[in-house]
Amino acid sequence: MIFPICPLPPASDQPTTPTSVSYTIHGDDEPYQPDVPRVIQRNFQSARSEVNDTLIDIDCLRSRGENWDGYGEAAPNGASIEHAKKWIRQMHQHASGPLLPWAKPLVGADGSGNIVLEWWKDERKLTIFVTPRAVEYLKSWGTRIFSEMEDGDIGSASECRALWNWLHGR
């Protein structure tokens, strides 16, 4: 079962005094900025914000401990979180563009501590599973598991582009 992230702990675990949390999303002390052609500069700020929001959502999964859902599920794996952050930056850089803009995914965790990213576009759904060492996908466009679903590994930029194109019906 996949649950959307919740950046705050359950009410019973919340501190009684106010606290603040801040996030700095960057690598090597520099903000994340993909190479963007001039033609889409006007959309860059919005897309960058959505990518940074996704990175924050992924980081928020660190707040979940063991049994975070009450069903005995594993805490999100730190190595999976880091891999998911790296992968989402690459997916954004390689897949989105002026004709296929970026869309923020639903971010969650599975019962094994891996990160799950999901996008929907009409009847198409793309689910990405990120483990510490692999990234896998599940495409679905209906309910018949043998004829309306496909899964596999993602290992290249061209596979990212192909999945994004598929999601957008291209």
N, C-alpha and C. Protein backbone atom coordinates (compact mmCIF):
# COMPACT_ATOMS: atom_id res chain seq x y z
N MET A 1 0.84 -1.16 0.00
CA MET A 1 0.00 0.00 0.00
C MET A 1 0.89 1.23 0.00
N ILE A 2 0.51 2.24 -0.74
CA ILE A 2 1.27 3.48 -0.85
C ILE A 2 0.46 4.59 -0.20
N PHE A 3 1.10 5.34 0.68
CA PHE A 3 0.45 6.46 1.32
C PHE A 3 1.16 7.73 0.90
N PRO A 4 0.40 8.81 0.63
CA PRO A 4 1.06 10.09 0.35
C PRO A 4 1.86 10.52 1.56
N ILE A 5 2.88 11.36 1.32
CA ILE A 5 3.71 11.78 2.43
C ILE A 5 2.96 12.74 3.33
N CYS A 6 3.38 12.80 4.54
CA CYS A 6 2.84 13.74 5.52
C CYS A 6 4.03 14.34 6.23
N PRO A 7 4.33 15.63 6.00
CA PRO A 7 5.54 16.21 6.57
C PRO A 7 5.52 16.35 8.08
N LEU A 8 4.33 16.25 8.72
CA LEU A 8 4.26 16.37 10.17
C LEU A 8 4.06 15.00 10.79
N PRO A 9 4.62 14.77 11.97
CA PRO A 9 4.38 13.50 12.66
C PRO A 9 2.93 13.43 13.11
N PRO A 10 2.44 12.24 13.47
CA PRO A 10 1.07 12.14 13.97
C PRO A 10 0.88 13.05 15.17
N ALA A 11 -0.37 13.50 15.40
CA ALA A 11 -0.66 14.48 16.45
C ALA A 11 -0.12 14.05 17.80
N SER A 12 -0.19 12.78 18.14
CA SER A 12 0.28 12.32 19.45
C SER A 12 1.80 12.44 19.60
N ASP A 13 2.53 12.52 18.49
CA ASP A 13 3.99 12.62 18.53
C ASP A 13 4.49 14.05 18.38
N GLN A 14 3.58 15.01 18.18
CA GLN A 14 4.01 16.38 17.95
C GLN A 14 4.49 17.02 19.24
N PRO A 15 5.54 17.82 19.16
CA PRO A 15 6.04 18.50 20.36
C PRO A 15 5.00 19.51 20.85
N THR A 16 5.07 19.82 22.13
CA THR A 16 4.12 20.77 22.71
C THR A 16 4.55 22.21 22.50
N THR A 17 5.80 22.43 22.12
CA THR A 17 6.26 23.79 21.86
C THR A 17 6.48 23.94 20.37
N PRO A 18 6.26 25.16 19.83
CA PRO A 18 6.41 25.35 18.39
C PRO A 18 7.85 25.10 17.95
N THR A 19 7.98 24.51 16.77
CA THR A 19 9.30 24.29 16.17
C THR A 19 9.23 24.74 14.73
N SER A 20 10.37 24.92 14.12
CA SER A 20 10.38 25.26 12.70
C SER A 20 11.35 24.33 11.99
N VAL A 21 11.05 24.06 10.74
CA VAL A 21 11.88 23.21 9.91
C VAL A 21 12.15 23.96 8.63
N SER A 22 13.38 23.95 8.18
CA SER A 22 13.69 24.57 6.89
C SER A 22 14.42 23.56 6.03
N TYR A 23 14.25 23.67 4.73
CA TYR A 23 14.89 22.78 3.79
C TYR A 23 15.72 23.59 2.81
N THR A 24 16.90 23.12 2.56
CA THR A 24 17.73 23.69 1.52
C THR A 24 17.99 22.57 0.52
N ILE A 25 17.46 22.72 -0.65
CA ILE A 25 17.61 21.69 -1.66
C ILE A 25 18.72 22.12 -2.61
N HIS A 26 19.81 21.42 -2.56
CA HIS A 26 20.95 21.73 -3.41
C HIS A 26 21.92 20.57 -3.39
N GLY A 27 22.88 20.65 -4.21
CA GLY A 27 23.97 19.68 -4.24
C GLY A 27 25.26 20.42 -4.39
N ASP A 28 26.26 20.04 -3.67
CA ASP A 28 27.56 20.70 -3.73
C ASP A 28 27.44 22.20 -3.47
N ASP A 29 26.58 22.59 -2.53
CA ASP A 29 26.40 23.99 -2.14
C ASP A 29 25.87 24.89 -3.26
N GLU A 30 25.31 24.34 -4.29
CA GLU A 30 24.72 25.12 -5.37
C GLU A 30 23.27 24.70 -5.56
N PRO A 31 22.36 25.64 -5.80
CA PRO A 31 20.97 25.25 -6.06
C PRO A 31 20.88 24.40 -7.31
N TYR A 32 19.92 23.51 -7.32
CA TYR A 32 19.71 22.64 -8.49
C TYR A 32 19.20 23.47 -9.65
N GLN A 33 19.93 23.43 -10.78
CA GLN A 33 19.51 24.11 -12.00
C GLN A 33 19.91 23.26 -13.20
N PRO A 34 18.94 22.63 -13.86
CA PRO A 34 19.28 21.86 -15.05
C PRO A 34 19.62 22.80 -16.20
N ASP A 35 20.32 22.27 -17.20
CA ASP A 35 20.58 23.04 -18.40
C ASP A 35 19.27 23.19 -19.15
N VAL A 36 18.86 24.43 -19.42
CA VAL A 36 17.57 24.68 -20.04
C VAL A 36 17.76 25.55 -21.27
N PRO A 37 17.27 25.11 -22.44
CA PRO A 37 17.36 25.95 -23.63
C PRO A 37 16.58 27.25 -23.44
N ARG A 38 16.97 28.30 -24.15
CA ARG A 38 16.32 29.62 -24.04
C ARG A 38 14.82 29.56 -24.31
N VAL A 39 14.41 28.66 -25.17
CA VAL A 39 13.00 28.59 -25.57
C VAL A 39 12.07 28.31 -24.38
N ILE A 40 12.57 27.67 -23.34
CA ILE A 40 11.69 27.36 -22.21
C ILE A 40 12.10 28.10 -20.94
N GLN A 41 12.87 29.15 -21.07
CA GLN A 41 13.27 29.92 -19.90
C GLN A 41 12.06 30.43 -19.12
N ARG A 42 10.98 30.80 -19.82
CA ARG A 42 9.82 31.34 -19.12
C ARG A 42 9.16 30.30 -18.23
N ASN A 43 9.30 29.01 -18.56
CA ASN A 43 8.71 27.96 -17.74
C ASN A 43 9.69 27.41 -16.70
N PHE A 44 10.94 27.87 -16.77
CA PHE A 44 11.98 27.30 -15.92
C PHE A 44 11.68 27.50 -14.44
N GLN A 45 11.30 28.72 -14.06
CA GLN A 45 11.09 28.99 -12.64
C GLN A 45 10.00 28.10 -12.07
N SER A 46 8.91 27.92 -12.79
CA SER A 46 7.81 27.08 -12.33
C SER A 46 8.26 25.62 -12.23
N ALA A 47 8.93 25.11 -13.27
CA ALA A 47 9.39 23.72 -13.26
C ALA A 47 10.41 23.50 -12.15
N ARG A 48 11.31 24.45 -11.99
CA ARG A 48 12.32 24.33 -10.94
C ARG A 48 11.67 24.27 -9.58
N SER A 49 10.64 25.09 -9.37
CA SER A 49 9.92 25.08 -8.11
C SER A 49 9.25 23.74 -7.87
N GLU A 50 8.64 23.17 -8.91
CA GLU A 50 7.99 21.87 -8.77
C GLU A 50 9.00 20.76 -8.49
N VAL A 51 10.17 20.82 -9.12
CA VAL A 51 11.21 19.83 -8.84
C VAL A 51 11.69 19.99 -7.40
N ASN A 52 11.93 21.21 -6.98
CA ASN A 52 12.36 21.43 -5.60
C ASN A 52 11.29 20.98 -4.60
N ASP A 53 10.02 21.23 -4.92
CA ASP A 53 8.93 20.75 -4.06
C ASP A 53 8.96 19.22 -3.98
N THR A 54 9.24 18.57 -5.09
CA THR A 54 9.32 17.10 -5.10
C THR A 54 10.50 16.63 -4.25
N LEU A 55 11.63 17.31 -4.36
CA LEU A 55 12.79 16.95 -3.54
C LEU A 55 12.49 17.12 -2.05
N ILE A 56 11.76 18.15 -1.70
CA ILE A 56 11.35 18.35 -0.30
C ILE A 56 10.43 17.21 0.13
N ASP A 57 9.46 16.86 -0.73
CA ASP A 57 8.55 15.76 -0.40
C ASP A 57 9.31 14.45 -0.16
N ILE A 58 10.30 14.20 -1.02
CA ILE A 58 11.10 12.98 -0.84
C ILE A 58 11.86 13.04 0.47
N ASP A 59 12.47 14.19 0.77
CA ASP A 59 13.21 14.35 2.02
C ASP A 59 12.30 14.18 3.24
N CYS A 60 11.05 14.61 3.14
CA CYS A 60 10.11 14.48 4.26
C CYS A 60 9.87 13.02 4.64
N LEU A 61 10.12 12.11 3.73
CA LEU A 61 9.93 10.71 4.05
C LEU A 61 10.87 10.24 5.17
N ARG A 62 11.95 10.98 5.39
CA ARG A 62 12.89 10.64 6.47
C ARG A 62 12.22 10.67 7.84
N SER A 63 11.14 11.45 7.96
CA SER A 63 10.47 11.58 9.25
C SER A 63 9.65 10.34 9.61
N ARG A 64 9.45 9.45 8.68
CA ARG A 64 8.69 8.24 8.96
C ARG A 64 9.60 7.18 9.59
N GLY A 65 9.19 6.66 10.73
CA GLY A 65 9.95 5.60 11.38
C GLY A 65 9.36 4.24 11.04
N GLU A 66 9.87 3.23 11.69
CA GLU A 66 9.31 1.88 11.51
C GLU A 66 7.83 1.92 11.89
N ASN A 67 7.05 1.10 11.22
CA ASN A 67 5.61 0.99 11.47
C ASN A 67 4.89 2.33 11.28
N TRP A 68 5.34 3.14 10.32
CA TRP A 68 4.80 4.48 10.09
C TRP A 68 3.33 4.47 9.71
N ASP A 69 2.85 3.37 9.20
CA ASP A 69 1.44 3.32 8.77
C ASP A 69 0.56 2.50 9.72
N GLY A 70 1.15 1.98 10.79
CA GLY A 70 0.40 1.17 11.74
C GLY A 70 0.24 -0.28 11.32
N TYR A 71 0.83 -0.67 10.19
CA TYR A 71 0.75 -2.05 9.69
C TYR A 71 2.10 -2.75 9.68
N GLY A 72 3.06 -2.20 10.40
CA GLY A 72 4.37 -2.84 10.51
C GLY A 72 5.32 -2.57 9.36
N GLU A 73 5.05 -1.57 8.55
CA GLU A 73 5.89 -1.28 7.39
C GLU A 73 7.26 -0.74 7.80
N ALA A 74 8.25 -0.98 6.94
CA ALA A 74 9.61 -0.51 7.18
C ALA A 74 9.69 1.01 6.98
N ALA A 75 10.57 1.63 7.72
CA ALA A 75 10.84 3.06 7.52
C ALA A 75 11.46 3.26 6.14
N PRO A 76 11.20 4.40 5.50
CA PRO A 76 11.87 4.66 4.22
C PRO A 76 13.38 4.58 4.37
N ASN A 77 14.00 3.89 3.43
CA ASN A 77 15.44 3.64 3.43
C ASN A 77 16.18 4.91 3.01
N GLY A 78 17.17 5.33 3.80
CA GLY A 78 17.94 6.54 3.48
C GLY A 78 18.62 6.47 2.13
N ALA A 79 19.14 5.30 1.76
CA ALA A 79 19.79 5.15 0.45
C ALA A 79 18.76 5.26 -0.68
N SER A 80 17.55 4.76 -0.46
CA SER A 80 16.49 4.90 -1.46
C SER A 80 16.09 6.36 -1.62
N ILE A 81 16.03 7.08 -0.50
CA ILE A 81 15.69 8.51 -0.55
C ILE A 81 16.73 9.27 -1.37
N GLU A 82 18.00 9.05 -1.10
CA GLU A 82 19.06 9.75 -1.85
C GLU A 82 19.02 9.37 -3.33
N HIS A 83 18.81 8.09 -3.62
CA HIS A 83 18.73 7.65 -5.01
C HIS A 83 17.53 8.30 -5.70
N ALA A 84 16.40 8.39 -5.02
CA ALA A 84 15.20 9.00 -5.60
C ALA A 84 15.43 10.48 -5.90
N LYS A 85 16.12 11.18 -5.03
CA LYS A 85 16.41 12.60 -5.27
C LYS A 85 17.31 12.77 -6.49
N LYS A 86 18.31 11.93 -6.60
CA LYS A 86 19.20 12.00 -7.77
C LYS A 86 18.42 11.66 -9.04
N TRP A 87 17.60 10.62 -8.97
CA TRP A 87 16.87 10.17 -10.14
C TRP A 87 15.85 11.21 -10.59
N ILE A 88 15.14 11.86 -9.67
CA ILE A 88 14.11 12.82 -10.06
C ILE A 88 14.74 14.02 -10.77
N ARG A 89 15.95 14.41 -10.35
CA ARG A 89 16.65 15.49 -11.06
C ARG A 89 16.98 15.06 -12.50
N GLN A 90 17.44 13.82 -12.64
CA GLN A 90 17.78 13.32 -13.98
C GLN A 90 16.52 13.17 -14.84
N MET A 91 15.45 12.67 -14.25
CA MET A 91 14.20 12.51 -15.00
C MET A 91 13.73 13.86 -15.51
N HIS A 92 13.77 14.86 -14.65
CA HIS A 92 13.36 16.21 -15.07
C HIS A 92 14.23 16.73 -16.20
N GLN A 93 15.52 16.56 -16.07
CA GLN A 93 16.46 17.06 -17.08
C GLN A 93 16.29 16.36 -18.41
N HIS A 94 16.09 15.05 -18.40
CA HIS A 94 16.06 14.28 -19.64
C HIS A 94 14.69 14.13 -20.27
N ALA A 95 13.63 14.25 -19.49
CA ALA A 95 12.31 13.91 -20.02
C ALA A 95 11.44 15.11 -20.35
N SER A 96 11.46 16.14 -19.54
CA SER A 96 10.54 17.25 -19.79
C SER A 96 11.15 18.23 -20.78
N GLY A 97 10.29 19.03 -21.38
CA GLY A 97 10.71 20.01 -22.36
C GLY A 97 9.56 20.92 -22.71
N PRO A 98 9.71 21.75 -23.74
CA PRO A 98 8.68 22.73 -24.07
C PRO A 98 7.34 22.10 -24.46
N LEU A 99 7.36 20.94 -25.08
CA LEU A 99 6.11 20.30 -25.50
C LEU A 99 5.58 19.33 -24.45
N LEU A 100 6.44 18.88 -23.55
CA LEU A 100 6.04 17.95 -22.49
C LEU A 100 6.53 18.51 -21.16
N PRO A 101 5.79 19.46 -20.60
CA PRO A 101 6.26 20.11 -19.37
C PRO A 101 6.29 19.16 -18.19
N TRP A 102 7.06 19.55 -17.21
CA TRP A 102 7.21 18.78 -15.99
C TRP A 102 5.91 18.81 -15.19
N ALA A 103 5.61 17.72 -14.53
CA ALA A 103 4.48 17.63 -13.60
C ALA A 103 4.99 17.01 -12.31
N LYS A 104 4.57 17.56 -11.20
CA LYS A 104 5.00 17.07 -9.89
C LYS A 104 4.33 15.71 -9.62
N PRO A 105 5.12 14.71 -9.22
CA PRO A 105 4.53 13.40 -8.93
C PRO A 105 3.99 13.32 -7.50
N LEU A 106 3.14 12.34 -7.27
CA LEU A 106 2.78 11.96 -5.92
C LEU A 106 3.98 11.20 -5.37
N VAL A 107 4.41 11.53 -4.15
CA VAL A 107 5.59 10.92 -3.54
C VAL A 107 5.14 10.09 -2.35
N GLY A 108 5.63 8.87 -2.27
CA GLY A 108 5.29 8.01 -1.14
C GLY A 108 6.36 6.96 -0.92
N ALA A 109 6.06 6.03 -0.03
CA ALA A 109 6.98 4.94 0.27
C ALA A 109 6.18 3.65 0.25
N ASP A 110 6.86 2.55 -0.08
CA ASP A 110 6.19 1.25 -0.02
C ASP A 110 6.54 0.56 1.30
N GLY A 111 5.99 -0.60 1.51
CA GLY A 111 6.19 -1.32 2.75
C GLY A 111 7.59 -1.85 2.98
N SER A 112 8.43 -1.81 1.94
CA SER A 112 9.81 -2.29 2.06
C SER A 112 10.81 -1.17 2.28
N GLY A 113 10.33 0.07 2.39
CA GLY A 113 11.22 1.21 2.60
C GLY A 113 11.72 1.85 1.33
N ASN A 114 11.17 1.46 0.18
CA ASN A 114 11.57 2.06 -1.10
C ASN A 114 10.69 3.26 -1.40
N ILE A 115 11.14 4.12 -2.29
CA ILE A 115 10.42 5.34 -2.64
C ILE A 115 9.56 5.07 -3.87
N VAL A 116 8.35 5.62 -3.86
CA VAL A 116 7.40 5.43 -4.96
C VAL A 116 6.99 6.81 -5.47
N LEU A 117 7.08 6.99 -6.78
CA LEU A 117 6.68 8.23 -7.45
C LEU A 117 5.60 7.89 -8.45
N GLU A 118 4.51 8.67 -8.49
CA GLU A 118 3.42 8.37 -9.43
C GLU A 118 2.94 9.61 -10.14
N TRP A 119 2.67 9.43 -11.43
CA TRP A 119 2.06 10.45 -12.27
C TRP A 119 0.83 9.87 -12.94
N TRP A 120 -0.20 10.69 -13.13
CA TRP A 120 -1.39 10.30 -13.89
C TRP A 120 -1.61 11.30 -15.00
N LYS A 121 -2.02 10.80 -16.14
CA LYS A 121 -2.40 11.66 -17.27
C LYS A 121 -3.54 10.93 -17.99
N ASP A 122 -4.75 11.44 -17.83
CA ASP A 122 -5.94 10.78 -18.36
C ASP A 122 -5.99 9.34 -17.84
N GLU A 123 -6.08 8.36 -18.72
CA GLU A 123 -6.18 6.97 -18.27
C GLU A 123 -4.81 6.32 -18.03
N ARG A 124 -3.75 7.05 -18.27
CA ARG A 124 -2.39 6.50 -18.11
C ARG A 124 -1.83 6.81 -16.73
N LYS A 125 -1.17 5.82 -16.15
CA LYS A 125 -0.52 6.00 -14.85
C LYS A 125 0.90 5.44 -14.95
N LEU A 126 1.85 6.22 -14.49
CA LEU A 126 3.25 5.82 -14.46
C LEU A 126 3.69 5.79 -13.00
N THR A 127 4.12 4.62 -12.55
CA THR A 127 4.60 4.45 -11.18
C THR A 127 6.07 4.07 -11.25
N ILE A 128 6.88 4.76 -10.46
CA ILE A 128 8.32 4.53 -10.40
C ILE A 128 8.66 4.04 -9.00
N PHE A 129 9.42 2.95 -8.93
CA PHE A 129 9.88 2.40 -7.66
C PHE A 129 11.39 2.59 -7.58
N VAL A 130 11.86 3.29 -6.55
CA VAL A 130 13.29 3.57 -6.41
C VAL A 130 13.81 2.82 -5.18
N THR A 131 14.76 1.93 -5.43
CA THR A 131 15.44 1.20 -4.36
C THR A 131 16.84 1.81 -4.22
N PRO A 132 17.64 1.34 -3.28
CA PRO A 132 18.99 1.90 -3.18
C PRO A 132 19.83 1.72 -4.45
N ARG A 133 19.53 0.69 -5.25
CA ARG A 133 20.39 0.42 -6.42
C ARG A 133 19.67 0.35 -7.75
N ALA A 134 18.36 0.45 -7.77
CA ALA A 134 17.63 0.28 -9.03
C ALA A 134 16.44 1.21 -9.10
N VAL A 135 16.01 1.46 -10.34
CA VAL A 135 14.78 2.21 -10.59
C VAL A 135 13.95 1.38 -11.56
N GLU A 136 12.73 1.10 -11.17
CA GLU A 136 11.82 0.28 -11.98
C GLU A 136 10.55 1.06 -12.24
N TYR A 137 9.85 0.70 -13.31
CA TYR A 137 8.60 1.39 -13.64
C TYR A 137 7.47 0.39 -13.80
N LEU A 138 6.26 0.92 -13.66
CA LEU A 138 5.03 0.20 -13.98
C LEU A 138 4.15 1.18 -14.73
N LYS A 139 3.84 0.86 -15.98
CA LYS A 139 2.91 1.65 -16.78
C LYS A 139 1.57 0.92 -16.76
N SER A 140 0.49 1.66 -16.56
CA SER A 140 -0.83 1.04 -16.65
C SER A 140 -1.77 1.98 -17.37
N TRP A 141 -2.64 1.39 -18.16
CA TRP A 141 -3.61 2.16 -18.92
C TRP A 141 -4.98 1.48 -18.89
N GLY A 142 -5.16 0.61 -17.91
CA GLY A 142 -6.42 -0.10 -17.72
C GLY A 142 -6.28 -1.06 -16.56
N THR A 143 -7.25 -1.94 -16.42
CA THR A 143 -7.26 -2.86 -15.27
C THR A 143 -6.79 -4.26 -15.60
N ARG A 144 -6.61 -4.58 -16.86
CA ARG A 144 -6.19 -5.93 -17.24
C ARG A 144 -4.67 -6.05 -17.11
N ILE A 145 -4.22 -6.83 -16.13
CA ILE A 145 -2.79 -6.85 -15.83
C ILE A 145 -1.94 -7.49 -16.91
N PHE A 146 -2.53 -8.32 -17.76
CA PHE A 146 -1.73 -8.97 -18.81
C PHE A 146 -1.71 -8.18 -20.11
N SER A 147 -2.70 -7.33 -20.33
CA SER A 147 -2.74 -6.61 -21.60
C SER A 147 -2.72 -5.10 -21.46
N GLU A 148 -2.86 -4.56 -20.24
CA GLU A 148 -2.90 -3.11 -20.08
C GLU A 148 -1.91 -2.61 -19.03
N MET A 149 -0.86 -3.38 -18.81
CA MET A 149 0.20 -2.98 -17.89
C MET A 149 1.54 -3.49 -18.42
N GLU A 150 2.59 -2.74 -18.09
CA GLU A 150 3.94 -3.12 -18.50
C GLU A 150 4.90 -2.65 -17.42
N ASP A 151 5.92 -3.45 -17.14
CA ASP A 151 6.91 -3.05 -16.16
C ASP A 151 8.32 -3.32 -16.68
N GLY A 152 9.30 -2.72 -16.02
CA GLY A 152 10.68 -2.93 -16.41
C GLY A 152 11.62 -2.05 -15.62
N ASP A 153 12.90 -2.10 -15.98
CA ASP A 153 13.94 -1.30 -15.34
C ASP A 153 14.17 -0.04 -16.15
N ILE A 154 14.64 1.02 -15.47
CA ILE A 154 15.01 2.27 -16.13
C ILE A 154 16.50 2.44 -15.92
N GLY A 155 17.26 2.52 -17.02
CA GLY A 155 18.70 2.63 -16.89
C GLY A 155 19.33 3.71 -17.75
N SER A 156 18.51 4.46 -18.50
CA SER A 156 19.11 5.45 -19.39
C SER A 156 18.20 6.65 -19.56
N ALA A 157 18.79 7.74 -20.08
CA ALA A 157 18.03 8.95 -20.36
C ALA A 157 16.96 8.69 -21.42
N SER A 158 17.28 7.87 -22.41
CA SER A 158 16.29 7.60 -23.46
C SER A 158 15.09 6.84 -22.91
N GLU A 159 15.30 5.99 -21.91
CA GLU A 159 14.18 5.29 -21.28
C GLU A 159 13.31 6.27 -20.48
N CYS A 160 13.93 7.25 -19.82
CA CYS A 160 13.17 8.29 -19.12
C CYS A 160 12.30 9.07 -20.11
N ARG A 161 12.90 9.48 -21.24
CA ARG A 161 12.15 10.22 -22.26
C ARG A 161 11.01 9.38 -22.81
N ALA A 162 11.26 8.11 -23.08
CA ALA A 162 10.22 7.24 -23.63
C ALA A 162 9.05 7.10 -22.66
N LEU A 163 9.34 6.96 -21.37
CA LEU A 163 8.27 6.86 -20.39
C LEU A 163 7.47 8.15 -20.29
N TRP A 164 8.15 9.29 -20.31
CA TRP A 164 7.47 10.59 -20.24
C TRP A 164 6.62 10.80 -21.49
N ASN A 165 7.15 10.45 -22.65
CA ASN A 165 6.38 10.54 -23.89
C ASN A 165 5.14 9.66 -23.82
N TRP A 166 5.31 8.43 -23.33
CA TRP A 166 4.17 7.51 -23.20
C TRP A 166 3.11 8.12 -22.28
N LEU A 167 3.53 8.64 -21.15
CA LEU A 167 2.58 9.22 -20.20
C LEU A 167 1.75 10.32 -20.86
N HIS A 168 2.39 11.10 -21.71
CA HIS A 168 1.71 12.21 -22.38
C HIS A 168 1.09 11.83 -23.73
N GLY A 169 1.07 10.54 -24.03
CA GLY A 169 0.40 10.07 -25.24
C GLY A 169 1.13 10.38 -26.52
N ARG A 170 2.46 10.45 -26.47
CA ARG A 170 3.24 10.76 -27.68
C ARG A 170 4.04 9.56 -28.12
